[in-house]
PDB file of N, CA and C in Angstrom:
ATOM      1  N   MET A   1    -169.921 -47.778 -40.174  1.00  0.00           N
ATOM      2  CA  MET A   1    -170.466 -46.458 -40.014  1.00  0.00           C
ATOM      3  C   MET A   1    -171.121 -46.381 -38.637  1.00  0.00           C
ATOM      4  N   PRO A   2    -170.812 -45.376 -37.832  1.00  0.00           N
ATOM      5  CA  PRO A   2    -171.407 -45.277 -36.510  1.00  0.00           C
ATOM      6  C   PRO A   2    -172.897 -44.966 -36.586  1.00  0.00           C
ATOM      7  N   VAL A   3    -173.596 -45.415 -35.556  1.00  0.00           N
ATOM      8  CA  VAL A   3    -175.034 -45.175 -35.478  1.00  0.00           C
ATOM      9  C   VAL A   3    -175.250 -43.723 -35.075  1.00  0.00           C
ATOM     10  N   PRO A   4    -176.098 -42.972 -35.807  1.00  0.00           N
ATOM     11  CA  PRO A   4    -176.340 -41.577 -35.429  1.00  0.00           C
ATOM     12  C   PRO A   4    -177.069 -41.501 -34.096  1.00  0.00           C
ATOM     13  N   VAL A   5    -176.643 -40.559 -33.284  1.00  0.00           N
ATOM     14  CA  VAL A   5    -177.236 -40.381 -31.971  1.00  0.00           C
ATOM     15  C   VAL A   5    -178.399 -39.410 -32.083  1.00  0.00           C
ATOM     16  N   ASN A   6    -179.539 -39.823 -31.568  1.00  0.00           N
ATOM     17  CA  ASN A   6    -180.723 -38.976 -31.570  1.00  0.00           C
ATOM     18  C   ASN A   6    -180.649 -38.072 -30.338  1.00  0.00           C
ATOM     19  N   THR A   7    -180.619 -36.773 -30.530  1.00  0.00           N
ATOM     20  CA  THR A   7    -180.454 -35.855 -29.408  1.00  0.00           C
ATOM     21  C   THR A   7    -181.728 -35.699 -28.591  1.00  0.00           C
ATOM     22  N   ALA A   8    -182.883 -36.051 -29.149  1.00  0.00           N
ATOM     23  CA  ALA A   8    -184.134 -35.911 -28.412  1.00  0.00           C
ATOM     24  C   ALA A   8    -184.298 -37.019 -27.381  1.00  0.00           C
ATOM     25  N   HIS A   9    -183.664 -38.161 -27.587  1.00  0.00           N
ATOM     26  CA  HIS A   9    -183.780 -39.287 -26.677  1.00  0.00           C
ATOM     27  C   HIS A   9    -182.438 -39.549 -26.016  1.00  0.00           C
ATOM     28  N   ALA A  10    -182.344 -40.647 -25.269  1.00  0.00           N
ATOM     29  CA  ALA A  10    -181.140 -40.942 -24.505  1.00  0.00           C
ATOM     30  C   ALA A  10    -179.964 -41.355 -25.380  1.00  0.00           C
ATOM     31  N   GLY A  11    -180.213 -41.930 -26.544  1.00  0.00           N
ATOM     32  CA  GLY A  11    -179.121 -42.376 -27.404  1.00  0.00           C
ATOM     33  C   GLY A  11    -179.557 -43.564 -28.234  1.00  0.00           C
ATOM     34  N   PRO A  12    -178.606 -44.286 -28.797  1.00  0.00           N
ATOM     35  CA  PRO A  12    -178.968 -45.425 -29.638  1.00  0.00           C
ATOM     36  C   PRO A  12    -179.633 -46.533 -28.814  1.00  0.00           C
ATOM     37  N   SER A  13    -180.537 -47.251 -29.453  1.00  0.00           N
ATOM     38  CA  SER A  13    -181.242 -48.319 -28.765  1.00  0.00           C
ATOM     39  C   SER A  13    -180.327 -49.520 -28.575  1.00  0.00           C
ATOM     40  N   THR A  14    -180.810 -50.491 -27.839  1.00  0.00           N
ATOM     41  CA  THR A  14    -180.030 -51.702 -27.599  1.00  0.00           C
ATOM     42  C   THR A  14    -179.795 -52.452 -28.899  1.00  0.00           C
ATOM     43  N   PHE A  15    -180.804 -52.498 -29.762  1.00  0.00           N
ATOM     44  CA  PHE A  15    -180.649 -53.179 -31.043  1.00  0.00           C
ATOM     45  C   PHE A  15    -179.628 -52.467 -31.923  1.00  0.00           C
ATOM     46  N   ASP A  16    -179.608 -51.131 -31.878  1.00  0.00           N
ATOM     47  CA  ASP A  16    -178.610 -50.380 -32.640  1.00  0.00           C
ATOM     48  C   ASP A  16    -177.192 -50.684 -32.129  1.00  0.00           C
ATOM     49  N   LYS A  17    -177.046 -50.797 -30.813  1.00  0.00           N
ATOM     50  CA  LYS A  17    -175.744 -51.144 -30.247  1.00  0.00           C
ATOM     51  C   LYS A  17    -175.339 -52.553 -30.652  1.00  0.00           C
ATOM     52  N   LEU A  18    -176.321 -53.476 -30.697  1.00  0.00           N
ATOM     53  CA  LEU A  18    -176.045 -54.846 -31.108  1.00  0.00           C
ATOM     54  C   LEU A  18    -175.581 -54.888 -32.556  1.00  0.00           C
ATOM     55  N   LYS A  19    -176.256 -54.142 -33.427  1.00  0.00           N
ATOM     56  CA  LYS A  19    -175.867 -54.102 -34.834  1.00  0.00           C
ATOM     57  C   LYS A  19    -174.481 -53.490 -35.012  1.00  0.00           C
ATOM     58  N   MET A  20    -174.216 -52.418 -34.278  1.00  0.00           N
ATOM     59  CA  MET A  20    -172.934 -51.745 -34.407  1.00  0.00           C
ATOM     60  C   MET A  20    -171.793 -52.654 -33.940  1.00  0.00           C
ATOM     61  N   GLY A  21    -171.994 -53.374 -32.844  1.00  0.00           N
ATOM     62  CA  GLY A  21    -170.967 -54.295 -32.361  1.00  0.00           C
ATOM     63  C   GLY A  21    -170.743 -55.447 -33.316  1.00  0.00           C
ATOM     64  N   ALA A  22    -171.821 -55.955 -33.926  1.00  0.00           N
ATOM     65  CA  ALA A  22    -171.676 -57.049 -34.888  1.00  0.00           C
ATOM     66  C   ALA A  22    -170.949 -56.577 -36.144  1.00  0.00           C
ATOM     67  N   MET A  23    -171.232 -55.363 -36.585  1.00  0.00           N
ATOM     68  CA  MET A  23    -170.533 -54.840 -37.765  1.00  0.00           C
ATOM     69  C   MET A  23    -169.048 -54.617 -37.468  1.00  0.00           C
ATOM     70  N   MET A  24    -168.761 -54.078 -36.293  1.00  0.00           N
ATOM     71  CA  MET A  24    -167.363 -53.838 -35.944  1.00  0.00           C
ATOM     72  C   MET A  24    -166.607 -55.148 -35.789  1.00  0.00           C
ATOM     73  N   GLY A  25    -167.208 -56.128 -35.137  1.00  0.00           N
ATOM     74  CA  GLY A  25    -166.524 -57.394 -34.903  1.00  0.00           C
ATOM     75  C   GLY A  25    -166.465 -58.278 -36.123  1.00  0.00           C
ATOM     76  N   GLY A  26    -167.524 -58.276 -36.933  1.00  0.00           N
ATOM     77  CA  GLY A  26    -167.556 -59.146 -38.103  1.00  0.00           C
ATOM     78  C   GLY A  26    -166.630 -58.696 -39.206  1.00  0.00           C
ATOM     79  N   THR A  27    -166.420 -57.417 -39.327  1.00  0.00           N
ATOM     80  CA  THR A  27    -165.536 -56.920 -40.379  1.00  0.00           C
ATOM     81  C   THR A  27    -164.127 -56.642 -39.860  1.00  0.00           C
ATOM     82  N   ALA A  28    -163.914 -56.900 -38.584  1.00  0.00           N
ATOM     83  CA  ALA A  28    -162.593 -56.635 -38.005  1.00  0.00           C
ATOM     84  C   ALA A  28    -161.584 -57.662 -38.502  1.00  0.00           C
ATOM     85  N   ALA A  29    -160.384 -57.235 -38.602  1.00  0.00           N
ATOM     86  CA  ALA A  29    -159.320 -58.111 -39.083  1.00  0.00           C
ATOM     87  C   ALA A  29    -158.916 -59.133 -38.028  1.00  0.00           C
ATOM     88  N   VAL A  30    -159.276 -58.895 -36.775  1.00  0.00           N
ATOM     89  CA  VAL A  30    -158.853 -59.793 -35.700  1.00  0.00           C
ATOM     90  C   VAL A  30    -159.431 -61.188 -35.901  1.00  0.00           C
ATOM     91  N   GLY A  31    -160.739 -61.274 -36.114  1.00  0.00           N
ATOM     92  CA  GLY A  31    -161.368 -62.576 -36.314  1.00  0.00           C
ATOM     93  C   GLY A  31    -160.874 -63.273 -37.565  1.00  0.00           C
ATOM     94  N   MET A  32    -160.695 -62.505 -38.628  1.00  0.00           N
ATOM     95  CA  MET A  32    -160.220 -63.101 -39.880  1.00  0.00           C
ATOM     96  C   MET A  32    -158.774 -63.598 -39.755  1.00  0.00           C
ATOM     97  N   ILE A  33    -157.927 -62.849 -39.103  1.00  0.00           N
ATOM     98  CA  ILE A  33    -156.527 -63.255 -38.949  1.00  0.00           C
ATOM     99  C   ILE A  33    -156.427 -64.493 -38.066  1.00  0.00           C
ATOM    100  N   LEU A  34    -157.197 -64.522 -36.977  1.00  0.00           N
ATOM    101  CA  LEU A  34    -157.182 -65.708 -36.128  1.00  0.00           C
ATOM    102  C   LEU A  34    -157.719 -66.921 -36.879  1.00  0.00           C
ATOM    103  N   GLY A  35    -158.753 -66.727 -37.695  1.00  0.00           N
ATOM    104  CA  GLY A  35    -159.263 -67.821 -38.518  1.00  0.00           C
ATOM    105  C   GLY A  35    -158.249 -68.284 -39.546  1.00  0.00           C
ATOM    106  N   PHE A  36    -157.495 -67.351 -40.102  1.00  0.00           N
ATOM    107  CA  PHE A  36    -156.451 -67.709 -41.061  1.00  0.00           C
ATOM    108  C   PHE A  36    -155.361 -68.545 -40.399  1.00  0.00           C
ATOM    109  N   ILE A  37    -154.935 -68.135 -39.215  1.00  0.00           N
ATOM    110  CA  ILE A  37    -153.881 -68.872 -38.506  1.00  0.00           C
ATOM    111  C   ILE A  37    -154.382 -70.255 -38.107  1.00  0.00           C
ATOM    112  N   TYR A  38    -155.575 -70.299 -37.511  1.00  0.00           N
ATOM    113  CA  TYR A  38    -156.132 -71.580 -37.067  1.00  0.00           C
ATOM    114  C   TYR A  38    -156.411 -72.495 -38.261  1.00  0.00           C
ATOM    115  N   GLY A  39    -156.980 -71.952 -39.327  1.00  0.00           N
ATOM    116  CA  GLY A  39    -157.267 -72.751 -40.511  1.00  0.00           C
ATOM    117  C   GLY A  39    -156.017 -73.272 -41.183  1.00  0.00           C
ATOM    118  N   THR A  40    -154.993 -72.444 -41.262  1.00  0.00           N
ATOM    119  CA  THR A  40    -153.735 -72.865 -41.886  1.00  0.00           C
ATOM    120  C   THR A  40    -153.091 -74.006 -41.104  1.00  0.00           C
ATOM    121  N   THR A  41    -153.071 -73.895 -39.793  1.00  0.00           N
ATOM    122  CA  THR A  41    -152.480 -74.972 -38.997  1.00  0.00           C
ATOM    123  C   THR A  41    -153.296 -76.259 -39.118  1.00  0.00           C
ATOM    124  N   ASN A  42    -154.607 -76.153 -39.170  1.00  0.00           N
ATOM    125  CA  ASN A  42    -155.423 -77.364 -39.325  1.00  0.00           C
ATOM    126  C   ASN A  42    -155.281 -77.965 -40.716  1.00  0.00           C
ATOM    127  N   ILE A  43    -155.134 -77.145 -41.723  1.00  0.00           N
ATOM    128  CA  ILE A  43    -154.919 -77.672 -43.077  1.00  0.00           C
ATOM    129  C   ILE A  43    -153.568 -78.370 -43.160  1.00  0.00           C
ATOM    130  N   PHE A  44    -152.546 -77.809 -42.525  1.00  0.00           N
ATOM    131  CA  PHE A  44    -151.236 -78.468 -42.512  1.00  0.00           C
ATOM    132  C   PHE A  44    -151.290 -79.794 -41.753  1.00  0.00           C
ATOM    133  N   ARG A  45    -152.053 -79.838 -40.658  1.00  0.00           N
ATOM    134  CA  ARG A  45    -152.129 -81.053 -39.854  1.00  0.00           C
ATOM    135  C   ARG A  45    -152.955 -82.150 -40.523  1.00  0.00           C
ATOM    136  N   TYR A  46    -154.183 -81.798 -40.918  1.00  0.00           N
ATOM    137  CA  TYR A  46    -155.153 -82.808 -41.334  1.00  0.00           C
ATOM    138  C   TYR A  46    -155.465 -82.797 -42.821  1.00  0.00           C
ATOM    139  N   GLY A  47    -154.976 -81.817 -43.542  1.00  0.00           N
ATOM    140  CA  GLY A  47    -155.275 -81.720 -44.967  1.00  0.00           C
ATOM    141  C   GLY A  47    -156.547 -80.915 -45.204  1.00  0.00           C
ATOM    142  N   ALA A  48    -156.745 -80.533 -46.452  1.00  0.00           N
ATOM    143  CA  ALA A  48    -157.874 -79.670 -46.779  1.00  0.00           C
ATOM    144  C   ALA A  48    -159.166 -80.447 -46.950  1.00  0.00           C
ATOM    145  N   GLY A  49    -159.096 -81.727 -47.227  1.00  0.00           N
ATOM    146  CA  GLY A  49    -160.311 -82.507 -47.426  1.00  0.00           C
ATOM    147  C   GLY A  49    -160.839 -82.342 -48.837  1.00  0.00           C
ATOM    148  N   THR A  50    -162.107 -82.623 -49.013  1.00  0.00           N
ATOM    149  CA  THR A  50    -162.705 -82.596 -50.355  1.00  0.00           C
ATOM    150  C   THR A  50    -163.008 -81.184 -50.831  1.00  0.00           C
ATOM    151  N   ASN A  51    -163.030 -80.210 -49.931  1.00  0.00           N
ATOM    152  CA  ASN A  51    -163.385 -78.845 -50.319  1.00  0.00           C
ATOM    153  C   ASN A  51    -162.228 -78.085 -50.955  1.00  0.00           C
ATOM    154  N   GLY A  52    -161.034 -78.497 -50.759  1.00  0.00           N
ATOM    155  CA  GLY A  52    -159.887 -77.765 -51.274  1.00  0.00           C
ATOM    156  C   GLY A  52    -159.344 -76.803 -50.237  1.00  0.00           C
ATOM    157  N   ILE A  53    -158.161 -76.299 -50.535  1.00  0.00           N
ATOM    158  CA  ILE A  53    -157.470 -75.450 -49.561  1.00  0.00           C
ATOM    159  C   ILE A  53    -158.179 -74.109 -49.380  1.00  0.00           C
ATOM    160  N   MET A  54    -158.512 -73.447 -50.464  1.00  0.00           N
ATOM    161  CA  MET A  54    -159.062 -72.085 -50.359  1.00  0.00           C
ATOM    162  C   MET A  54    -160.445 -72.078 -49.708  1.00  0.00           C
ATOM    163  N   ARG A  55    -161.281 -73.033 -50.073  1.00  0.00           N
ATOM    164  CA  ARG A  55    -162.622 -73.057 -49.491  1.00  0.00           C
ATOM    165  C   ARG A  55    -162.565 -73.416 -48.007  1.00  0.00           C
ATOM    166  N   THR A  56    -161.720 -74.370 -47.651  1.00  0.00           N
ATOM    167  CA  THR A  56    -161.581 -74.749 -46.244  1.00  0.00           C
ATOM    168  C   THR A  56    -161.030 -73.587 -45.428  1.00  0.00           C
ATOM    169  N   LEU A  57    -160.017 -72.921 -45.947  1.00  0.00           N
ATOM    170  CA  LEU A  57    -159.444 -71.777 -45.244  1.00  0.00           C
ATOM    171  C   LEU A  57    -160.464 -70.648 -45.134  1.00  0.00           C
ATOM    172  N   GLY A  58    -161.241 -70.425 -46.177  1.00  0.00           N
ATOM    173  CA  GLY A  58    -162.291 -69.394 -46.131  1.00  0.00           C
ATOM    174  C   GLY A  58    -163.362 -69.713 -45.107  1.00  0.00           C
ATOM    175  N   GLN A  59    -163.706 -70.993 -44.972  1.00  0.00           N
ATOM    176  CA  GLN A  59    -164.698 -71.376 -43.966  1.00  0.00           C
ATOM    177  C   GLN A  59    -164.180 -71.122 -42.554  1.00  0.00           C
ATOM    178  N   TYR A  60    -162.913 -71.439 -42.318  1.00  0.00           N
ATOM    179  CA  TYR A  60    -162.326 -71.158 -40.995  1.00  0.00           C
ATOM    180  C   TYR A  60    -162.317 -69.653 -40.721  1.00  0.00           C
ATOM    181  N   MET A  61    -161.945 -68.868 -41.716  1.00  0.00           N
ATOM    182  CA  MET A  61    -161.876 -67.414 -41.526  1.00  0.00           C
ATOM    183  C   MET A  61    -163.257 -66.819 -41.308  1.00  0.00           C
ATOM    184  N   ALA A  62    -164.250 -67.273 -42.081  1.00  0.00           N
ATOM    185  CA  ALA A  62    -165.611 -66.743 -41.928  1.00  0.00           C
ATOM    186  C   ALA A  62    -166.199 -67.127 -40.571  1.00  0.00           C
ATOM    187  N   ALA A  63    -165.967 -68.372 -40.151  1.00  0.00           N
ATOM    188  CA  ALA A  63    -166.489 -68.806 -38.856  1.00  0.00           C
ATOM    189  C   ALA A  63    -165.839 -68.042 -37.709  1.00  0.00           C
ATOM    190  N   SER A  64    -164.548 -67.801 -37.797  1.00  0.00           N
ATOM    191  CA  SER A  64    -163.862 -67.061 -36.748  1.00  0.00           C
ATOM    192  C   SER A  64    -164.304 -65.599 -36.720  1.00  0.00           C
ATOM    193  N   GLY A  65    -164.469 -64.998 -37.901  1.00  0.00           N
ATOM    194  CA  GLY A  65    -164.956 -63.621 -37.957  1.00  0.00           C
ATOM    195  C   GLY A  65    -166.367 -63.483 -37.426  1.00  0.00           C
ATOM    196  N   ALA A  66    -167.238 -64.469 -37.741  1.00  0.00           N
ATOM    197  CA  ALA A  66    -168.614 -64.424 -37.235  1.00  0.00           C
ATOM    198  C   ALA A  66    -168.655 -64.602 -35.725  1.00  0.00           C
ATOM    199  N   THR A  67    -167.814 -65.478 -35.206  1.00  0.00           N
ATOM    200  CA  THR A  67    -167.764 -65.680 -33.754  1.00  0.00           C
ATOM    201  C   THR A  67    -167.276 -64.430 -33.049  1.00  0.00           C
ATOM    202  N   PHE A  68    -166.231 -63.814 -33.601  1.00  0.00           N
ATOM    203  CA  PHE A  68    -165.720 -62.581 -33.003  1.00  0.00           C
ATOM    204  C   PHE A  68    -166.769 -61.468 -33.088  1.00  0.00           C
ATOM    205  N   GLY A  69    -167.490 -61.390 -34.195  1.00  0.00           N
ATOM    206  CA  GLY A  69    -168.552 -60.395 -34.323  1.00  0.00           C
ATOM    207  C   GLY A  69    -169.677 -60.623 -33.342  1.00  0.00           C
ATOM    208  N   PHE A  70    -170.020 -61.885 -33.090  1.00  0.00           N
ATOM    209  CA  PHE A  70    -171.073 -62.210 -32.127  1.00  0.00           C
ATOM    210  C   PHE A  70    -170.681 -61.733 -30.738  1.00  0.00           C
ATOM    211  N   PHE A  71    -169.479 -62.071 -30.301  1.00  0.00           N
ATOM    212  CA  PHE A  71    -169.059 -61.666 -28.968  1.00  0.00           C
ATOM    213  C   PHE A  71    -168.835 -60.157 -28.869  1.00  0.00           C
ATOM    214  N   MET A  72    -168.421 -59.536 -29.950  1.00  0.00           N
ATOM    215  CA  MET A  72    -168.267 -58.079 -29.953  1.00  0.00           C
ATOM    216  C   MET A  72    -169.623 -57.391 -29.826  1.00  0.00           C
ATOM    217  N   SER A  73    -170.647 -57.948 -30.472  1.00  0.00           N
ATOM    218  CA  SER A  73    -171.978 -57.345 -30.368  1.00  0.00           C
ATOM    219  C   SER A  73    -172.531 -57.495 -28.960  1.00  0.00           C
ATOM    220  N   ILE A  74    -172.301 -58.642 -28.333  1.00  0.00           N
ATOM    221  CA  ILE A  74    -172.760 -58.817 -26.952  1.00  0.00           C
ATOM    222  C   ILE A  74    -172.017 -57.857 -26.022  1.00  0.00           C
ATOM    223  N   GLY A  75    -170.720 -57.714 -26.237  1.00  0.00           N
ATOM    224  CA  GLY A  75    -169.943 -56.805 -25.404  1.00  0.00           C
ATOM    225  C   GLY A  75    -170.359 -55.353 -25.559  1.00  0.00           C
ATOM    226  N   SER A  76    -170.744 -54.957 -26.769  1.00  0.00           N
ATOM    227  CA  SER A  76    -171.162 -53.567 -26.959  1.00  0.00           C
ATOM    228  C   SER A  76    -172.523 -53.295 -26.337  1.00  0.00           C
ATOM    229  N   VAL A  77    -173.375 -54.310 -26.230  1.00  0.00           N
ATOM    230  CA  VAL A  77    -174.661 -54.129 -25.552  1.00  0.00           C
ATOM    231  C   VAL A  77    -174.459 -54.073 -24.049  1.00  0.00           C
ATOM    232  N   ILE A  78    -173.591 -54.947 -23.539  1.00  0.00           N
ATOM    233  CA  ILE A  78    -173.344 -54.967 -22.092  1.00  0.00           C
ATOM    234  C   ILE A  78    -172.703 -53.666 -21.636  1.00  0.00           C
ATOM    235  N   ARG A  79    -171.776 -53.157 -22.432  1.00  0.00           N
ATOM    236  CA  ARG A  79    -171.072 -51.930 -22.067  1.00  0.00           C
ATOM    237  C   ARG A  79    -171.871 -50.719 -22.525  1.00  0.00           C
ATOM    238  N   SER A  80    -173.044 -50.568 -21.970  1.00  0.00           N
ATOM    239  CA  SER A  80    -173.840 -49.395 -22.303  1.00  0.00           C
ATOM    240  C   SER A  80    -173.657 -48.368 -21.194  1.00  0.00           C
ATOM    241  N   ASP A  81    -173.683 -47.134 -21.582  1.00  0.00           N
ATOM    242  CA  ASP A  81    -173.460 -46.067 -20.619  1.00  0.00           C
ATOM    243  C   ASP A  81    -174.654 -45.931 -19.693  1.00  0.00           C
ATOM    244  N   ALA A  82    -174.390 -45.595 -18.462  1.00  0.00           N
ATOM    245  CA  ALA A  82    -175.438 -45.423 -17.471  1.00  0.00           C
ATOM    246  C   ALA A  82    -176.129 -44.078 -17.684  1.00  0.00           C
ATOM    247  N   SER A  83    -177.232 -43.901 -17.007  1.00  0.00           N
ATOM    248  CA  SER A  83    -177.944 -42.633 -17.107  1.00  0.00           C
ATOM    249  C   SER A  83    -177.102 -41.532 -16.457  1.00  0.00           C
ATOM    250  N   PRO A  84    -177.311 -40.286 -16.847  1.00  0.00           N
ATOM    251  CA  PRO A  84    -176.508 -39.197 -16.258  1.00  0.00           C
ATOM    252  C   PRO A  84    -176.684 -39.071 -14.751  1.00  0.00           C
ATOM    253  N   THR A  85    -177.850 -39.415 -14.226  1.00  0.00           N
ATOM    254  CA  THR A  85    -178.077 -39.327 -12.785  1.00  0.00           C
ATOM    255  C   THR A  85    -177.212 -40.334 -12.039  1.00  0.00           C
ATOM    256  N   VAL A  86    -177.159 -41.576 -12.554  1.00  0.00           N
ATOM    257  CA  VAL A  86    -176.342 -42.607 -11.920  1.00  0.00           C
ATOM    258  C   VAL A  86    -174.867 -42.248 -12.028  1.00  0.00           C
ATOM    259  N   GLN A  87    -174.453 -41.753 -13.183  1.00  0.00           N
ATOM    260  CA  GLN A  87    -173.057 -41.379 -13.370  1.00  0.00           C
ATOM    261  C   GLN A  87    -172.673 -40.214 -12.445  1.00  0.00           C
ATOM    262  N   GLN A  88    -173.568 -39.256 -12.281  1.00  0.00           N
ATOM    263  CA  GLN A  88    -173.304 -38.125 -11.388  1.00  0.00           C
ATOM    264  C   GLN A  88    -173.196 -38.595  -9.940  1.00  0.00           C
ATOM    265  N   ALA A  89    -174.061 -39.522  -9.512  1.00  0.00           N
ATOM    266  CA  ALA A  89    -173.997 -40.042  -8.148  1.00  0.00           C
ATOM    267  C   ALA A  89    -172.700 -40.814  -7.927  1.00  0.00           C
ATOM    268  N   TYR A  90    -172.269 -41.579  -8.926  1.00  0.00           N
ATOM    269  CA  TYR A  90    -171.007 -42.319  -8.797  1.00  0.00           C
ATOM    270  C   TYR A  90    -169.831 -41.360  -8.670  1.00  0.00           C
ATOM    271  N   LEU A  91    -169.775 -40.349  -9.519  1.00  0.00           N
ATOM    272  CA  LEU A  91    -168.680 -39.384  -9.446  1.00  0.00           C
ATOM    273  C   LEU A  91    -168.697 -38.618  -8.126  1.00  0.00           C
ATOM    274  N   HIS A  92    -169.889 -38.304  -7.626  1.00  0.00           N
ATOM    275  CA  HIS A  92    -170.011 -37.601  -6.352  1.00  0.00           C
ATOM    276  C   HIS A  92    -169.493 -38.471  -5.207  1.00  0.00           C
ATOM    277  N   ALA A  93    -169.749 -39.784  -5.264  1.00  0.00           N
ATOM    278  CA  ALA A  93    -169.292 -40.680  -4.204  1.00  0.00           C
ATOM    279  C   ALA A  93    -167.786 -40.925  -4.272  1.00  0.00           C
ATOM    280  N   GLN A  94    -167.178 -40.769  -5.438  1.00  0.00           N
ATOM    281  CA  GLN A  94    -165.768 -41.083  -5.606  1.00  0.00           C
ATOM    282  C   GLN A  94    -164.835 -39.894  -5.400  1.00  0.00           C
ATOM    283  N   ARG A  95    -165.371 -38.704  -5.303  1.00  0.00           N
ATOM    284  CA  ARG A  95    -164.492 -37.547  -5.189  1.00  0.00           C
ATOM    285  C   ARG A  95    -163.861 -37.462  -3.807  1.00  0.00           C
ATOM    286  N   LYS A  96    -162.749 -36.760  -3.739  1.00  0.00           N
ATOM    287  CA  LYS A  96    -162.028 -36.601  -2.486  1.00  0.00           C
ATOM    288  C   LYS A  96    -162.740 -35.574  -1.615  1.00  0.00           C
ATOM    289  N   PRO A  97    -162.703 -35.750  -0.300  1.00  0.00           N
ATOM    290  CA  PRO A  97    -163.354 -34.773   0.573  1.00  0.00           C
ATOM    291  C   PRO A  97    -162.597 -33.453   0.587  1.00  0.00           C
ATOM    292  N   TRP A  98    -163.353 -32.405   0.803  1.00  0.00           N
ATOM    293  CA  TRP A  98    -162.749 -31.074   0.885  1.00  0.00           C
ATOM    294  C   TRP A  98    -162.308 -30.835   2.317  1.00  0.00           C
ATOM    295  N   ILE A  99    -161.090 -30.379   2.480  1.00  0.00           N
ATOM    296  CA  ILE A  99    -160.589 -30.032   3.806  1.00  0.00           C
ATOM    297  C   ILE A  99    -160.408 -28.528   3.817  1.00  0.00           C
ATOM    298  N   MET A 100    -161.148 -27.893   4.699  1.00  0.00           N
ATOM    299  CA  MET A 100    -161.115 -26.434   4.752  1.00  0.00           C
ATOM    300  C   MET A 100    -160.295 -25.992   5.962  1.00  0.00           C
ATOM    301  N   ALA A 101    -159.537 -24.943   5.781  1.00  0.00           N
ATOM    302  CA  ALA A 101    -158.732 -24.388   6.872  1.00  0.00           C
ATOM    303  C   ALA A 101    -159.634 -23.671   7.871  1.00  0.00           C
ATOM    304  N   ALA A 102    -159.293 -23.814   9.124  1.00  0.00           N
ATOM    305  CA  ALA A 102    -160.077 -23.150  10.178  1.00  0.00           C
ATOM    306  C   ALA A 102    -159.776 -21.648  10.159  1.00  0.00           C
ATOM    307  N   ASP A 103    -160.740 -20.869  10.606  1.00  0.00           N
ATOM    308  CA  ASP A 103    -160.553 -19.420  10.701  1.00  0.00           C
ATOM    309  C   ASP A 103    -159.543 -19.115  11.797  1.00  0.00           C
ATOM    310  N   GLN A 104    -158.999 -17.910  11.731  1.00  0.00           N
ATOM    311  CA  GLN A 104    -157.999 -17.487  12.725  1.00  0.00           C
ATOM    312  C   GLN A 104    -158.590 -17.466  14.133  1.00  0.00           C
ATOM    313  N   ALA A 105    -159.866 -17.195  14.279  1.00  0.00           N
ATOM    314  CA  ALA A 105    -160.458 -17.078  15.604  1.00  0.00           C
ATOM    315  C   ALA A 105    -160.500 -18.428  16.305  1.00  0.00           C
ATOM    316  N   TYR A 106    -160.532 -19.506  15.565  1.00  0.00           N
ATOM    317  CA  TYR A 106    -160.654 -20.827  16.166  1.00  0.00           C
ATOM    318  C   TYR A 106    -159.306 -21.536  16.356  1.00  0.00           C
ATOM    319  N   ARG A 107    -158.239 -20.963  15.861  1.00  0.00           N
ATOM    320  CA  ARG A 107    -156.932 -21.597  16.001  1.00  0.00           C
ATOM    321  C   ARG A 107    -156.343 -21.290  17.368  1.00  0.00           C
ATOM    322  N   ARG A 108    -155.660 -22.256  17.938  1.00  0.00           N
ATOM    323  CA  ARG A 108    -154.968 -22.015  19.205  1.00  0.00           C
ATOM    324  C   ARG A 108    -153.567 -21.517  18.904  1.00  0.00           C
ATOM    325  N   GLN A 109    -153.142 -20.569  19.644  1.00  0.00           N
ATOM    326  CA  GLN A 109    -151.832 -19.962  19.431  1.00  0.00           C
ATOM    327  C   GLN A 109    -150.840 -20.431  20.442  1.00  0.00           C
TER     328      GLN A 109
END
């Protein structure tokens, strides 16, 4: 669920962004699928051990999902939007210059 934006202030806090990134990354299928692939190959190579196949595979999937959620939360905090003043100055610096046509009085014939 997205974090509600407070219109009276600048937006969600850093902690809210951290929570949102962790929720998106931890519940994402990417981390779980990578954990499933990595866990399956390790179980085929080295065996499941004393925990059994399902528990070992679940541990790999949970660890991979948690790692992906951790890095996703850090990335969502780092990728925070700049203030409108900074964004306006950046857009102003990046725009193309205006070229205006000279008046007829200044043109040479």
